[in-house]
Amino acid sequence: ETGSEDIEVLPNGLAFISSGLKYPGIKSLAPDKPGEIFLMDLNEDNPRAVELRISRGFDLASFNPHGISTFTD
């Protein structure tokens, strides 16, 4: 609903998607909804974005993701 801001695809085909970026002065379709991170398995025949749960204790109300990156060791 709020659009994706960035996507990071891992070599194994898993994609992490940041969503819900809000800028001051720009209309938002969901101004009171916090940002989200989604996971999509691009190896599936019909991939679907699934919202990831964010750990307790994280200030979700102010979560406004701008970009995403991953680190593989």
C-alpha atoms as a PDB file:
ATOM      1  CA  GLU A   1       0.000   0.000   0.000  1.00  0.00           C
ATOM      2  CA  THR A   2       2.803   2.452   0.795  1.00  0.00           C
ATOM      3  CA  GLY A   3       5.190   1.239  -1.905  1.00  0.00           C
ATOM      4  CA  SER A   4       8.670  -0.165  -1.627  1.00  0.00           C
ATOM      5  CA  GLU A   5      11.672   2.073  -1.134  1.00  0.00           C
ATOM      6  CA  ASP A   6      14.520  -0.364  -1.773  1.00  0.00           C
ATOM      7  CA  ILE A   7      15.237  -4.037  -2.408  1.00  0.00           C
ATOM      8  CA  GLU A   8      18.255  -6.236  -1.695  1.00  0.00           C
ATOM      9  CA  VAL A   9      18.465  -9.671  -3.347  1.00  0.00           C
ATOM     10  CA  LEU A  10      20.755 -12.291  -1.816  1.00  0.00           C
ATOM     11  CA  PRO A  11      22.625 -14.850  -3.960  1.00  0.00           C
ATOM     12  CA  ASN A  12      20.204 -17.561  -2.747  1.00  0.00           C
ATOM     13  CA  GLY A  13      17.192 -15.731  -4.234  1.00  0.00           C
ATOM     14  CA  LEU A  14      15.779 -14.227  -1.040  1.00  0.00           C
ATOM     15  CA  ALA A  15      14.809 -10.581  -1.434  1.00  0.00           C
ATOM     16  CA  PHE A  16      14.452  -8.084   1.426  1.00  0.00           C
ATOM     17  CA  ILE A  17      12.215  -5.112   0.668  1.00  0.00           C
ATOM     18  CA  SER A  18      11.938  -1.900   2.687  1.00  0.00           C
ATOM     19  CA  SER A  19       8.593  -0.135   2.557  1.00  0.00           C
ATOM     20  CA  GLY A  20       6.748   2.808   4.017  1.00  0.00           C
ATOM     21  CA  LEU A  21       9.221   5.676   3.606  1.00  0.00           C
ATOM     22  CA  LYS A  22       7.638   9.029   4.432  1.00  0.00           C
ATOM     23  CA  TYR A  23       9.040  12.450   3.588  1.00  0.00           C
ATOM     24  CA  PRO A  24       7.808  15.642   5.269  1.00  0.00           C
ATOM     25  CA  GLY A  25       5.529  17.592   2.957  1.00  0.00           C
ATOM     26  CA  ILE A  26       4.860  14.675   0.592  1.00  0.00           C
ATOM     27  CA  LYS A  27       1.457  12.982   0.699  1.00  0.00           C
ATOM     28  CA  SER A  28       1.458   9.489   2.188  1.00  0.00           C
ATOM     29  CA  LEU A  29      -1.257   6.898   1.555  1.00  0.00           C
ATOM     30  CA  ALA A  30      -0.834   5.620   5.127  1.00  0.00           C
ATOM     31  CA  PRO A  31       0.621   8.455   7.242  1.00  0.00           C
ATOM     32  CA  ASP A  32       0.049   6.702  10.581  1.00  0.00           C
ATOM     33  CA  LYS A  33       1.362   3.290   9.503  1.00  0.00           C
ATOM     34  CA  PRO A  34       4.994   2.529  10.415  1.00  0.00           C
ATOM     35  CA  GLY A  35       7.491   1.286   7.869  1.00  0.00           C
ATOM     36  CA  GLU A  36       7.920  -2.420   7.179  1.00  0.00           C
ATOM     37  CA  ILE A  37      10.443  -4.954   5.918  1.00  0.00           C
ATOM     38  CA  PHE A  38       9.222  -7.733   3.645  1.00  0.00           C
ATOM     39  CA  LEU A  39      10.834 -10.993   2.539  1.00  0.00           C
ATOM     40  CA  MET A  40      10.233 -12.559  -0.862  1.00  0.00           C
ATOM     41  CA  ASP A  41      11.604 -15.902  -2.061  1.00  0.00           C
ATOM     42  CA  LEU A  42      12.272 -15.402  -5.765  1.00  0.00           C
ATOM     43  CA  ASN A  43      12.827 -19.164  -6.195  1.00  0.00           C
ATOM     44  CA  GLU A  44       9.094 -19.835  -5.753  1.00  0.00           C
ATOM     45  CA  ASP A  45       6.787 -20.207  -8.755  1.00  0.00           C
ATOM     46  CA  ASN A  46       4.522 -17.428  -7.437  1.00  0.00           C
ATOM     47  CA  PRO A  47       6.657 -15.329  -5.072  1.00  0.00           C
ATOM     48  CA  ARG A  48       4.788 -13.287  -2.464  1.00  0.00           C
ATOM     49  CA  ALA A  49       6.094 -10.572  -0.191  1.00  0.00           C
ATOM     50  CA  VAL A  50       5.685 -11.580   3.468  1.00  0.00           C
ATOM     51  CA  GLU A  51       5.990  -8.978   6.222  1.00  0.00           C
ATOM     52  CA  LEU A  52       8.762  -9.756   8.703  1.00  0.00           C
ATOM     53  CA  ARG A  53       8.031  -9.406  12.420  1.00  0.00           C
ATOM     54  CA  ILE A  54      10.141  -6.797  14.148  1.00  0.00           C
ATOM     55  CA  SER A  55      11.584  -7.652  17.565  1.00  0.00           C
ATOM     56  CA  ARG A  56       9.963  -6.427  20.745  1.00  0.00           C
ATOM     57  CA  GLY A  57      11.534  -3.334  22.221  1.00  0.00           C
ATOM     58  CA  PHE A  58      12.066  -1.763  18.796  1.00  0.00           C
ATOM     59  CA  ASP A  59      10.430   1.658  18.340  1.00  0.00           C
ATOM     60  CA  LEU A  60       8.165   0.547  15.501  1.00  0.00           C
ATOM     61  CA  ALA A  61       6.039   3.720  15.618  1.00  0.00           C
ATOM     62  CA  SER A  62       8.962   5.790  14.307  1.00  0.00           C
ATOM     63  CA  PHE A  63      10.289   3.164  11.857  1.00  0.00           C
ATOM     64  CA  ASN A  64      10.778   4.965   8.543  1.00  0.00           C
ATOM     65  CA  PRO A  65      13.124   2.786   6.446  1.00  0.00           C
ATOM     66  CA  HIS A  66      15.186   4.489   3.774  1.00  0.00           C
ATOM     67  CA  GLY A  67      17.151   1.889   1.872  1.00  0.00           C
ATOM     68  CA  ILE A  68      18.275  -1.560   2.899  1.00  0.00           C
ATOM     69  CA  SER A  69      21.485  -3.525   2.660  1.00  0.00           C
ATOM     70  CA  THR A  70      22.677  -6.943   3.744  1.00  0.00           C
ATOM     71  CA  PHE A  71      25.953  -8.422   4.901  1.00  0.00           C
ATOM     72  CA  THR A  72      26.900 -12.000   4.112  1.00  0.00           C
ATOM     73  CA  ASP A  73      29.849 -13.497   5.973  1.00  0.00           C
END
